[in-house]
C-alpha atoms as a PDB file:
ATOM      1  CA  UNK A   1     -45.147  12.788 -53.057  1.00  0.00           C
ATOM      2  CA  UNK A   2     -44.883  16.369 -54.242  1.00  0.00           C
ATOM      3  CA  UNK A   3     -43.686  17.769 -57.526  1.00  0.00           C
ATOM      4  CA  UNK A   4     -40.389  17.058 -59.284  1.00  0.00           C
ATOM      5  CA  UNK A   5     -39.199  20.517 -58.247  1.00  0.00           C
ATOM      6  CA  UNK A   6     -39.656  19.579 -54.585  1.00  0.00           C
ATOM      7  CA  UNK A   7     -37.761  16.336 -55.215  1.00  0.00           C
ATOM      8  CA  UNK A   8     -34.821  18.266 -56.657  1.00  0.00           C
ATOM      9  CA  UNK A   9     -34.644  20.455 -53.545  1.00  0.00           C
ATOM     10  CA  UNK A  10     -34.217  17.417 -51.263  1.00  0.00           C
ATOM     11  CA  UNK A  11     -30.485  17.468 -50.659  1.00  0.00           C
ATOM     12  CA  UNK A  12     -28.034  15.169 -48.919  1.00  0.00           C
ATOM     13  CA  UNK A  13     -27.974  17.415 -45.861  1.00  0.00           C
ATOM     14  CA  UNK A  14     -31.654  16.728 -45.269  1.00  0.00           C
ATOM     15  CA  UNK A  15     -31.162  12.980 -45.679  1.00  0.00           C
ATOM     16  CA  UNK A  16     -28.100  12.901 -43.397  1.00  0.00           C
ATOM     17  CA  UNK A  17     -29.901  14.975 -40.764  1.00  0.00           C
ATOM     18  CA  UNK A  18     -32.759  12.470 -40.779  1.00  0.00           C
ATOM     19  CA  UNK A  19     -30.264   9.601 -40.346  1.00  0.00           C
ATOM     20  CA  UNK A  20     -28.564  11.413 -37.479  1.00  0.00           C
ATOM     21  CA  UNK A  21     -31.875  12.022 -35.638  1.00  0.00           C
ATOM     22  CA  UNK A  22     -32.704   8.321 -35.919  1.00  0.00           C
ATOM     23  CA  UNK A  23     -29.292   7.221 -34.646  1.00  0.00           C
ATOM     24  CA  UNK A  24     -29.069   9.886 -31.919  1.00  0.00           C
ATOM     25  CA  UNK A  25     -32.645   9.091 -30.828  1.00  0.00           C
ATOM     26  CA  UNK A  26     -33.513  12.760 -30.295  1.00  0.00           C
ATOM     27  CA  UNK A  27     -33.586  16.060 -32.157  1.00  0.00           C
ATOM     28  CA  UNK A  28     -31.478  17.833 -29.527  1.00  0.00           C
ATOM     29  CA  UNK A  29     -28.740  15.172 -29.538  1.00  0.00           C
ATOM     30  CA  UNK A  30     -28.627  15.225 -33.336  1.00  0.00           C
ATOM     31  CA  UNK A  31     -28.397  19.022 -33.306  1.00  0.00           C
ATOM     32  CA  UNK A  32     -25.445  18.921 -30.891  1.00  0.00           C
ATOM     33  CA  UNK A  33     -23.606  16.369 -32.998  1.00  0.00           C
ATOM     34  CA  UNK A  34     -24.225  18.299 -36.193  1.00  0.00           C
ATOM     35  CA  UNK A  35     -23.354  21.623 -34.585  1.00  0.00           C
ATOM     36  CA  UNK A  36     -26.743  23.088 -35.508  1.00  0.00           C
ATOM     37  CA  UNK A  37     -29.701  24.608 -33.704  1.00  0.00           C
ATOM     38  CA  UNK A  38     -32.460  22.152 -32.785  1.00  0.00           C
ATOM     39  CA  UNK A  39     -34.963  24.220 -34.767  1.00  0.00           C
ATOM     40  CA  UNK A  40     -32.792  23.825 -37.871  1.00  0.00           C
ATOM     41  CA  UNK A  41     -32.769  20.031 -37.482  1.00  0.00           C
ATOM     42  CA  UNK A  42     -36.521  19.922 -36.872  1.00  0.00           C
ATOM     43  CA  UNK A  43     -37.214  22.044 -39.959  1.00  0.00           C
ATOM     44  CA  UNK A  44     -35.145  19.730 -42.173  1.00  0.00           C
ATOM     45  CA  UNK A  45     -37.080  16.714 -40.920  1.00  0.00           C
ATOM     46  CA  UNK A  46     -40.362  18.550 -41.596  1.00  0.00           C
ATOM     47  CA  UNK A  47     -39.131  19.252 -45.142  1.00  0.00           C
ATOM     48  CA  UNK A  48     -38.371  15.561 -45.565  1.00  0.00           C
ATOM     49  CA  UNK A  49     -41.860  14.623 -44.372  1.00  0.00           C
ATOM     50  CA  UNK A  50     -43.400  17.199 -46.691  1.00  0.00           C
ATOM     51  CA  UNK A  51     -41.487  15.736 -49.643  1.00  0.00           C
ATOM     52  CA  UNK A  52     -42.209  12.148 -48.560  1.00  0.00           C
ATOM     53  CA  UNK A  53     -45.876  12.810 -47.946  1.00  0.00           C
ATOM     54  CA  UNK A  54     -45.776  10.760 -44.751  1.00  0.00           C
ATOM     55  CA  UNK A  55     -44.903  11.317 -41.101  1.00  0.00           C
ATOM     56  CA  UNK A  56     -41.558   9.658 -40.333  1.00  0.00           C
ATOM     57  CA  UNK A  57     -41.560  10.223 -36.561  1.00  0.00           C
ATOM     58  CA  UNK A  58     -44.143   9.748 -33.852  1.00  0.00           C
ATOM     59  CA  UNK A  59     -43.514  12.814 -31.672  1.00  0.00           C
ATOM     60  CA  UNK A  60     -46.089  12.121 -28.926  1.00  0.00           C
ATOM     61  CA  UNK A  61     -43.540  10.849 -26.414  1.00  0.00           C
ATOM     62  CA  UNK A  62     -40.402  12.400 -24.955  1.00  0.00           C
ATOM     63  CA  UNK A  63     -38.275  11.050 -27.783  1.00  0.00           C
ATOM     64  CA  UNK A  64     -39.145  10.716 -31.478  1.00  0.00           C
ATOM     65  CA  UNK A  65     -40.023   7.177 -32.563  1.00  0.00           C
ATOM     66  CA  UNK A  66     -39.864   6.056 -36.181  1.00  0.00           C
ATOM     67  CA  UNK A  67     -43.173   5.257 -37.796  1.00  0.00           C
ATOM     68  CA  UNK A  68     -43.536   2.217 -40.048  1.00  0.00           C
ATOM     69  CA  UNK A  69     -43.063   4.411 -43.119  1.00  0.00           C
ATOM     70  CA  UNK A  70     -40.175   6.129 -41.366  1.00  0.00           C
ATOM     71  CA  UNK A  71     -38.432   2.776 -40.892  1.00  0.00           C
ATOM     72  CA  UNK A  72     -38.678   2.054 -44.600  1.00  0.00           C
ATOM     73  CA  UNK A  73     -37.298   5.477 -45.476  1.00  0.00           C
ATOM     74  CA  UNK A  74     -34.499   5.218 -42.910  1.00  0.00           C
ATOM     75  CA  UNK A  75     -32.938   2.159 -44.551  1.00  0.00           C
ATOM     76  CA  UNK A  76     -32.898   3.913 -47.922  1.00  0.00           C
ATOM     77  CA  UNK A  77     -31.563   7.136 -46.400  1.00  0.00           C
ATOM     78  CA  UNK A  78     -28.842   5.216 -44.536  1.00  0.00           C
ATOM     79  CA  UNK A  79     -27.743   3.557 -47.775  1.00  0.00           C
ATOM     80  CA  UNK A  80     -27.542   6.937 -49.505  1.00  0.00           C
ATOM     81  CA  UNK A  81     -25.586   8.400 -46.583  1.00  0.00           C
ATOM     82  CA  UNK A  82     -23.025   5.581 -46.627  1.00  0.00           C
ATOM     83  CA  UNK A  83     -22.758   5.773 -50.414  1.00  0.00           C
ATOM     84  CA  UNK A  84     -21.959   9.490 -50.167  1.00  0.00           C
ATOM     85  CA  UNK A  85     -19.246   8.848 -47.565  1.00  0.00           C
ATOM     86  CA  UNK A  86     -17.716   6.173 -49.781  1.00  0.00           C
ATOM     87  CA  UNK A  87     -17.936   8.470 -52.817  1.00  0.00           C
ATOM     88  CA  UNK A  88     -16.182  11.275 -50.901  1.00  0.00           C
ATOM     89  CA  UNK A  89     -13.357   8.966 -49.791  1.00  0.00           C
ATOM     90  CA  UNK A  90     -12.899   7.600 -53.303  1.00  0.00           C
ATOM     91  CA  UNK A  91     -12.919  11.100 -54.779  1.00  0.00           C
ATOM     92  CA  UNK A  92     -10.218  12.240 -52.343  1.00  0.00           C
ATOM     93  CA  UNK A  93      -8.156   9.149 -53.143  1.00  0.00           C
ATOM     94  CA  UNK A  94      -8.447   9.740 -56.900  1.00  0.00           C
ATOM     95  CA  UNK A  95      -7.615  13.437 -56.511  1.00  0.00           C
ATOM     96  CA  UNK A  96      -4.362  12.497 -54.768  1.00  0.00           C
ATOM     97  CA  UNK A  97      -3.223  10.773 -57.957  1.00  0.00           C
ATOM     98  CA  UNK A  98       0.441   9.833 -57.589  1.00  0.00           C
ATOM     99  CA  UNK A  99       0.264  10.996 -53.953  1.00  0.00           C
ATOM    100  CA  UNK A 100      -1.872   8.063 -52.793  1.00  0.00           C
ATOM    101  CA  UNK A 101       0.942   6.792 -50.567  1.00  0.00           C
ATOM    102  CA  UNK A 102       3.286   8.486 -48.118  1.00  0.00           C
ATOM    103  CA  UNK A 103       6.431   7.278 -46.357  1.00  0.00           C
ATOM    104  CA  UNK A 104       7.427   8.953 -43.099  1.00  0.00           C
ATOM    105  CA  UNK A 105      10.401   8.124 -40.906  1.00  0.00           C
ATOM    106  CA  UNK A 106      11.309   9.156 -37.387  1.00  0.00           C
ATOM    107  CA  UNK A 107      14.770   8.848 -35.905  1.00  0.00           C
ATOM    108  CA  UNK A 108      14.408   6.651 -32.827  1.00  0.00           C
ATOM    109  CA  UNK A 109      15.813   9.378 -30.585  1.00  0.00           C
ATOM    110  CA  UNK A 110      13.028  11.767 -31.618  1.00  0.00           C
ATOM    111  CA  UNK A 111       9.745  12.054 -29.783  1.00  0.00           C
ATOM    112  CA  UNK A 112       7.830  15.192 -30.681  1.00  0.00           C
ATOM    113  CA  UNK A 113       4.341  16.019 -29.323  1.00  0.00           C
ATOM    114  CA  UNK A 114       3.038  17.082 -32.746  1.00  0.00           C
ATOM    115  CA  UNK A 115       3.494  13.520 -34.036  1.00  0.00           C
ATOM    116  CA  UNK A 116       0.158  12.208 -32.796  1.00  0.00           C
ATOM    117  CA  UNK A 117      -1.650  15.322 -34.042  1.00  0.00           C
ATOM    118  CA  UNK A 118      -0.143  14.818 -37.501  1.00  0.00           C
ATOM    119  CA  UNK A 119      -1.245  11.178 -37.617  1.00  0.00           C
ATOM    120  CA  UNK A 120      -4.790  12.164 -36.623  1.00  0.00           C
ATOM    121  CA  UNK A 121      -4.892  14.756 -39.418  1.00  0.00           C
ATOM    122  CA  UNK A 122      -3.653  12.267 -42.015  1.00  0.00           C
ATOM    123  CA  UNK A 123      -6.213   9.724 -40.806  1.00  0.00           C
ATOM    124  CA  UNK A 124      -9.016  12.299 -41.064  1.00  0.00           C
ATOM    125  CA  UNK A 125      -8.056  14.089 -44.278  1.00  0.00           C
ATOM    126  CA  UNK A 126      -6.551  11.169 -46.217  1.00  0.00           C
ATOM    127  CA  UNK A 127      -8.168   7.989 -44.852  1.00  0.00           C
ATOM    128  CA  UNK A 128      -7.342   5.936 -47.959  1.00  0.00           C
ATOM    129  CA  UNK A 129      -3.683   6.897 -48.233  1.00  0.00           C
ATOM    130  CA  UNK A 130      -1.195   4.080 -47.750  1.00  0.00           C
ATOM    131  CA  UNK A 131       0.981   5.392 -44.911  1.00  0.00           C
ATOM    132  CA  UNK A 132       4.323   3.725 -44.198  1.00  0.00           C
ATOM    133  CA  UNK A 133       6.057   4.555 -40.888  1.00  0.00           C
ATOM    134  CA  UNK A 134       9.674   3.506 -40.310  1.00  0.00           C
ATOM    135  CA  UNK A 135      12.447   4.044 -37.757  1.00  0.00           C
ATOM    136  CA  UNK A 136      15.778   3.834 -39.586  1.00  0.00           C
ATOM    137  CA  UNK A 137      19.039   5.305 -38.273  1.00  0.00           C
ATOM    138  CA  UNK A 138      19.902   8.961 -38.766  1.00  0.00           C
ATOM    139  CA  UNK A 139      22.382   8.441 -41.611  1.00  0.00           C
ATOM    140  CA  UNK A 140      20.090   5.942 -43.294  1.00  0.00           C
ATOM    141  CA  UNK A 141      17.255   8.488 -43.185  1.00  0.00           C
ATOM    142  CA  UNK A 142      19.390  11.080 -44.972  1.00  0.00           C
ATOM    143  CA  UNK A 143      20.265   8.660 -47.744  1.00  0.00           C
ATOM    144  CA  UNK A 144      16.640   7.532 -48.170  1.00  0.00           C
ATOM    145  CA  UNK A 145      15.477  11.154 -48.371  1.00  0.00           C
ATOM    146  CA  UNK A 146      18.113  12.034 -50.954  1.00  0.00           C
ATOM    147  CA  UNK A 147      17.266   8.982 -53.089  1.00  0.00           C
ATOM    148  CA  UNK A 148      13.536   9.758 -52.899  1.00  0.00           C
ATOM    149  CA  UNK A 149      12.582   6.587 -51.020  1.00  0.00           C
ATOM    150  CA  UNK A 150      11.260   8.683 -48.130  1.00  0.00           C
ATOM    151  CA  UNK A 151       8.829  11.590 -48.401  1.00  0.00           C
ATOM    152  CA  UNK A 152       9.664  13.141 -45.031  1.00  0.00           C
ATOM    153  CA  UNK A 153      11.435  12.364 -41.769  1.00  0.00           C
ATOM    154  CA  UNK A 154      12.173  13.683 -38.301  1.00  0.00           C
ATOM    155  CA  UNK A 155      15.868  13.498 -37.416  1.00  0.00           C
ATOM    156  CA  UNK A 156      17.455  14.192 -34.021  1.00  0.00           C
ATOM    157  CA  UNK A 157      20.762  15.879 -33.320  1.00  0.00           C
ATOM    158  CA  UNK A 158      22.664  18.757 -34.848  1.00  0.00           C
ATOM    159  CA  UNK A 159      22.438  17.574 -38.420  1.00  0.00           C
ATOM    160  CA  UNK A 160      24.110  19.365 -41.308  1.00  0.00           C
ATOM    161  CA  UNK A 161      22.174  19.211 -44.562  1.00  0.00           C
ATOM    162  CA  UNK A 162      24.732  21.273 -46.497  1.00  0.00           C
ATOM    163  CA  UNK A 163      26.193  18.207 -48.207  1.00  0.00           C
ATOM    164  CA  UNK A 164      22.758  16.927 -49.251  1.00  0.00           C
ATOM    165  CA  UNK A 165      21.121  18.780 -52.151  1.00  0.00           C
ATOM    166  CA  UNK A 166      17.397  19.246 -52.626  1.00  0.00           C
ATOM    167  CA  UNK A 167      16.396  18.835 -48.966  1.00  0.00           C
ATOM    168  CA  UNK A 168      13.949  21.166 -47.195  1.00  0.00           C
ATOM    169  CA  UNK A 169      14.025  21.504 -43.402  1.00  0.00           C
ATOM    170  CA  UNK A 170      12.172  23.115 -40.497  1.00  0.00           C
ATOM    171  CA  UNK A 171      12.877  22.710 -36.746  1.00  0.00           C
ATOM    172  CA  UNK A 172      10.462  20.762 -34.549  1.00  0.00           C
ATOM    173  CA  UNK A 173      10.161  20.340 -30.782  1.00  0.00           C
ATOM    174  CA  UNK A 174      13.258  19.325 -28.829  1.00  0.00           C
ATOM    175  CA  UNK A 175      13.424  15.890 -27.214  1.00  0.00           C
ATOM    176  CA  UNK A 176      14.502  15.730 -23.517  1.00  0.00           C
ATOM    177  CA  UNK A 177      17.321  13.238 -22.854  1.00  0.00           C
ATOM    178  CA  UNK A 178      18.688  11.651 -19.678  1.00  0.00           C
ATOM    179  CA  UNK A 179      21.705   9.655 -18.617  1.00  0.00           C
ATOM    180  CA  UNK A 180      20.533   6.327 -17.158  1.00  0.00           C
ATOM    181  CA  UNK A 181      21.919   3.191 -15.548  1.00  0.00           C
ATOM    182  CA  UNK A 182      20.812   0.417 -13.211  1.00  0.00           C
ATOM    183  CA  UNK A 183      20.502   1.145  -9.507  1.00  0.00           C
ATOM    184  CA  UNK A 184      23.646  -0.887  -8.690  1.00  0.00           C
ATOM    185  CA  UNK A 185      25.860   0.577 -11.445  1.00  0.00           C
ATOM    186  CA  UNK A 186      29.053   2.297 -10.161  1.00  0.00           C
ATOM    187  CA  UNK A 187      27.952   5.701 -11.524  1.00  0.00           C
ATOM    188  CA  UNK A 188      24.975   5.601  -9.148  1.00  0.00           C
ATOM    189  CA  UNK A 189      27.171   5.434  -6.024  1.00  0.00           C
ATOM    190  CA  UNK A 190      27.762   9.168  -5.782  1.00  0.00           C
ATOM    191  CA  UNK A 191      26.029  12.411  -6.670  1.00  0.00           C
ATOM    192  CA  UNK A 192      27.036  14.964  -9.291  1.00  0.00           C
ATOM    193  CA  UNK A 193      28.728  12.521 -11.651  1.00  0.00           C
ATOM    194  CA  UNK A 194      31.260  14.195 -13.961  1.00  0.00           C
ATOM    195  CA  UNK A 195      32.339  13.457 -17.529  1.00  0.00           C
ATOM    196  CA  UNK A 196      35.547  11.918 -16.231  1.00  0.00           C
ATOM    197  CA  UNK A 197      33.563   9.445 -14.128  1.00  0.00           C
ATOM    198  CA  UNK A 198      31.329   8.504 -17.074  1.00  0.00           C
ATOM    199  CA  UNK A 199      34.395   7.919 -19.236  1.00  0.00           C
ATOM    200  CA  UNK A 200      35.558   5.168 -16.870  1.00  0.00           C
ATOM    201  CA  UNK A 201      32.558   2.992 -17.754  1.00  0.00           C
ATOM    202  CA  UNK A 202      31.064   1.530 -20.907  1.00  0.00           C
ATOM    203  CA  UNK A 203      28.499   3.623 -22.753  1.00  0.00           C
ATOM    204  CA  UNK A 204      25.714   1.986 -24.761  1.00  0.00           C
ATOM    205  CA  UNK A 205      24.774   4.003 -27.843  1.00  0.00           C
ATOM    206  CA  UNK A 206      21.836   3.489 -30.180  1.00  0.00           C
ATOM    207  CA  UNK A 207      22.931   3.535 -33.808  1.00  0.00           C
ATOM    208  CA  UNK A 208      20.039   5.914 -34.498  1.00  0.00           C
ATOM    209  CA  UNK A 209      22.053   8.808 -33.088  1.00  0.00           C
ATOM    210  CA  UNK A 210      25.499   7.864 -34.371  1.00  0.00           C
ATOM    211  CA  UNK A 211      27.283  10.042 -36.921  1.00  0.00           C
ATOM    212  CA  UNK A 212      24.482  12.569 -37.415  1.00  0.00           C
ATOM    213  CA  UNK A 213      26.283  15.684 -36.188  1.00  0.00           C
ATOM    214  CA  UNK A 214      28.199  18.113 -38.335  1.00  0.00           C
ATOM    215  CA  UNK A 215      31.614  16.566 -37.697  1.00  0.00           C
ATOM    216  CA  UNK A 216      30.239  13.138 -38.675  1.00  0.00           C
ATOM    217  CA  UNK A 217      31.409  11.717 -35.358  1.00  0.00           C
ATOM    218  CA  UNK A 218      29.209   9.714 -32.972  1.00  0.00           C
ATOM    219  CA  UNK A 219      26.666  12.064 -31.444  1.00  0.00           C
ATOM    220  CA  UNK A 220      26.511  12.172 -27.605  1.00  0.00           C
ATOM    221  CA  UNK A 221      29.508   9.831 -27.357  1.00  0.00           C
ATOM    222  CA  UNK A 222      31.362  10.370 -24.071  1.00  0.00           C
ATOM    223  CA  UNK A 223      33.094   7.116 -23.079  1.00  0.00           C
ATOM    224  CA  UNK A 224      35.956   5.554 -25.074  1.00  0.00           C
ATOM    225  CA  UNK A 225      34.349   2.171 -24.346  1.00  0.00           C
ATOM    226  CA  UNK A 226      31.276   1.743 -26.541  1.00  0.00           C
ATOM    227  CA  UNK A 227      28.651  -0.877 -27.251  1.00  0.00           C
ATOM    228  CA  UNK A 228      26.270  -0.125 -30.116  1.00  0.00           C
ATOM    229  CA  UNK A 229      22.617  -1.213 -30.312  1.00  0.00           C
ATOM    230  CA  UNK A 230      20.257  -1.141 -33.283  1.00  0.00           C
ATOM    231  CA  UNK A 231      17.651   0.972 -31.486  1.00  0.00           C
ATOM    232  CA  UNK A 232      17.116   3.059 -28.373  1.00  0.00           C
ATOM    233  CA  UNK A 233      14.910   0.280 -26.985  1.00  0.00           C
ATOM    234  CA  UNK A 234      17.704  -2.269 -27.456  1.00  0.00           C
ATOM    235  CA  UNK A 235      20.168   0.153 -25.870  1.00  0.00           C
ATOM    236  CA  UNK A 236      17.889   0.572 -22.853  1.00  0.00           C
ATOM    237  CA  UNK A 237      17.555  -3.205 -22.557  1.00  0.00           C
ATOM    238  CA  UNK A 238      21.345  -3.664 -22.516  1.00  0.00           C
ATOM    239  CA  UNK A 239      21.673  -0.986 -19.832  1.00  0.00           C
ATOM    240  CA  UNK A 240      18.882  -2.617 -17.798  1.00  0.00           C
ATOM    241  CA  UNK A 241      20.929  -5.828 -17.819  1.00  0.00           C
ATOM    242  CA  UNK A 242      23.931  -3.999 -16.388  1.00  0.00           C
ATOM    243  CA  UNK A 243      26.102  -3.737 -19.490  1.00  0.00           C
ATOM    244  CA  UNK A 244      26.758   0.001 -19.214  1.00  0.00           C
ATOM    245  CA  UNK A 245      25.117   3.401 -19.042  1.00  0.00           C
ATOM    246  CA  UNK A 246      23.361   5.329 -21.807  1.00  0.00           C
ATOM    247  CA  UNK A 247      21.935   8.669 -22.888  1.00  0.00           C
ATOM    248  CA  UNK A 248      18.341   8.018 -23.932  1.00  0.00           C
ATOM    249  CA  UNK A 249      15.250  10.042 -24.903  1.00  0.00           C
ATOM    250  CA  UNK A 250      12.584  10.773 -22.315  1.00  0.00           C
ATOM    251  CA  UNK A 251       9.897   8.468 -23.764  1.00  0.00           C
ATOM    252  CA  UNK A 252      12.211   5.441 -23.458  1.00  0.00           C
ATOM    253  CA  UNK A 253      13.502   6.458 -20.029  1.00  0.00           C
ATOM    254  CA  UNK A 254       9.945   6.839 -18.701  1.00  0.00           C
ATOM    255  CA  UNK A 255       9.036   3.370 -19.948  1.00  0.00           C
ATOM    256  CA  UNK A 256      11.978   1.610 -18.280  1.00  0.00           C
ATOM    257  CA  UNK A 257      11.990   3.801 -15.168  1.00  0.00           C
ATOM    258  CA  UNK A 258       8.307   3.091 -14.505  1.00  0.00           C
ATOM    259  CA  UNK A 259       9.172  -0.614 -14.375  1.00  0.00           C
ATOM    260  CA  UNK A 260      12.115   0.022 -12.002  1.00  0.00           C
ATOM    261  CA  UNK A 261      14.588  -1.187 -14.632  1.00  0.00           C
ATOM    262  CA  UNK A 262      16.561   2.053 -15.013  1.00  0.00           C
ATOM    263  CA  UNK A 263      17.317   5.153 -12.971  1.00  0.00           C
ATOM    264  CA  UNK A 264      18.505   8.610 -13.944  1.00  0.00           C
ATOM    265  CA  UNK A 265      22.168   9.208 -13.149  1.00  0.00           C
ATOM    266  CA  UNK A 266      22.726  12.271 -10.895  1.00  0.00           C
ATOM    267  CA  UNK A 267      24.980  14.349 -13.135  1.00  0.00           C
ATOM    268  CA  UNK A 268      27.030  17.431 -12.347  1.00  0.00           C
ATOM    269  CA  UNK A 269      25.743  20.609 -13.981  1.00  0.00           C
ATOM    270  CA  UNK A 270      26.561  20.950 -17.669  1.00  0.00           C
ATOM    271  CA  UNK A 271      27.624  17.340 -18.270  1.00  0.00           C
ATOM    272  CA  UNK A 272      24.738  16.629 -20.626  1.00  0.00           C
ATOM    273  CA  UNK A 273      22.394  18.846 -22.650  1.00  0.00           C
ATOM    274  CA  UNK A 274      18.856  18.749 -21.286  1.00  0.00           C
ATOM    275  CA  UNK A 275      17.443  18.046 -24.729  1.00  0.00           C
ATOM    276  CA  UNK A 276      18.425  17.396 -28.308  1.00  0.00           C
ATOM    277  CA  UNK A 277      17.034  19.272 -31.266  1.00  0.00           C
ATOM    278  CA  UNK A 278      14.935  17.608 -33.941  1.00  0.00           C
ATOM    279  CA  UNK A 279      14.375  18.593 -37.560  1.00  0.00           C
ATOM    280  CA  UNK A 280      11.684  17.773 -40.097  1.00  0.00           C
ATOM    281  CA  UNK A 281      13.362  17.119 -43.439  1.00  0.00           C
ATOM    282  CA  UNK A 282      11.850  16.318 -46.828  1.00  0.00           C
ATOM    283  CA  UNK A 283      12.897  15.779 -50.402  1.00  0.00           C
ATOM    284  CA  UNK A 284      11.989  18.951 -52.316  1.00  0.00           C
ATOM    285  CA  UNK A 285      10.895  16.847 -55.282  1.00  0.00           C
ATOM    286  CA  UNK A 286       7.979  15.753 -53.045  1.00  0.00           C
ATOM    287  CA  UNK A 287       7.019  19.241 -51.805  1.00  0.00           C
ATOM    288  CA  UNK A 288       3.756  19.308 -53.802  1.00  0.00           C
ATOM    289  CA  UNK A 289       2.500  16.260 -51.945  1.00  0.00           C
ATOM    290  CA  UNK A 290      -0.677  17.401 -50.084  1.00  0.00           C
ATOM    291  CA  UNK A 291       0.160  15.181 -47.098  1.00  0.00           C
ATOM    292  CA  UNK A 292       3.594  16.765 -46.784  1.00  0.00           C
ATOM    293  CA  UNK A 293       1.961  20.209 -46.953  1.00  0.00           C
ATOM    294  CA  UNK A 294      -0.395  19.183 -44.122  1.00  0.00           C
ATOM    295  CA  UNK A 295       2.569  18.088 -41.974  1.00  0.00           C
ATOM    296  CA  UNK A 296       4.528  21.291 -42.622  1.00  0.00           C
ATOM    297  CA  UNK A 297       1.493  23.515 -41.958  1.00  0.00           C
ATOM    298  CA  UNK A 298       0.808  21.672 -38.694  1.00  0.00           C
ATOM    299  CA  UNK A 299       4.383  22.156 -37.482  1.00  0.00           C
ATOM    300  CA  UNK A 300       4.479  25.812 -38.559  1.00  0.00           C
ATOM    301  CA  UNK A 301       1.441  26.768 -36.444  1.00  0.00           C
END
């Protein structure tokens, strides 16, 4: 091998490039994965061979093949590569300090497209964080936020936060909602169903969207006859068994409608809002949490 100075110039990028060429089985494939020019990858491998004092690839064929010495070096390089990845994860975890866990709740009526993107970012940027996802009711979410048991939450409906101190909020995407019933329910026998017609039949309401509007009255309540369910899924199941009609979010309606269990009620114009608003809320005592900052920045883009 060459001098100590040459040894010091061998960096992790060179080692990881070598590992990637081995595992990609070609210089061009490794270059594409690394987002680099093929010449750049080839030069790094040449630098490695110069430092090592041995040829690590047989380049006579179409694809590079590890030499015997190259095999020996690969196992050591792979170990270093994995050790660096582990070190990076541990360092990020330690740097989070008291923020090494995060609790996030979503009202069961809410279904916002940014949700999956946020989870992917948390998984990528904070792989060692203990993430807790829950689906409590709207009022329960507000209490948990205020008491500091939740870091952040998405809540549906026209929620007033005026009576709750120390809560930050930003709007998120609206959730489409539909009125649904079984095919043989009385409300399905005519078109352009009015509010008066809906009021004649039992409405099934998920507790998740009860008492979360400004007047503190049941949100989206139309009929005087009510059955309450613990979740939107339970509400949909009751409706599918013929126990009433319900106003449910699109993601639940699609699930039950695709299995021919529920159908959308043909409503007269203006009977029901086409969507309900959703809000991201957080306890301001947690606003320095890097995960919370990632969520807010994602939603603000």
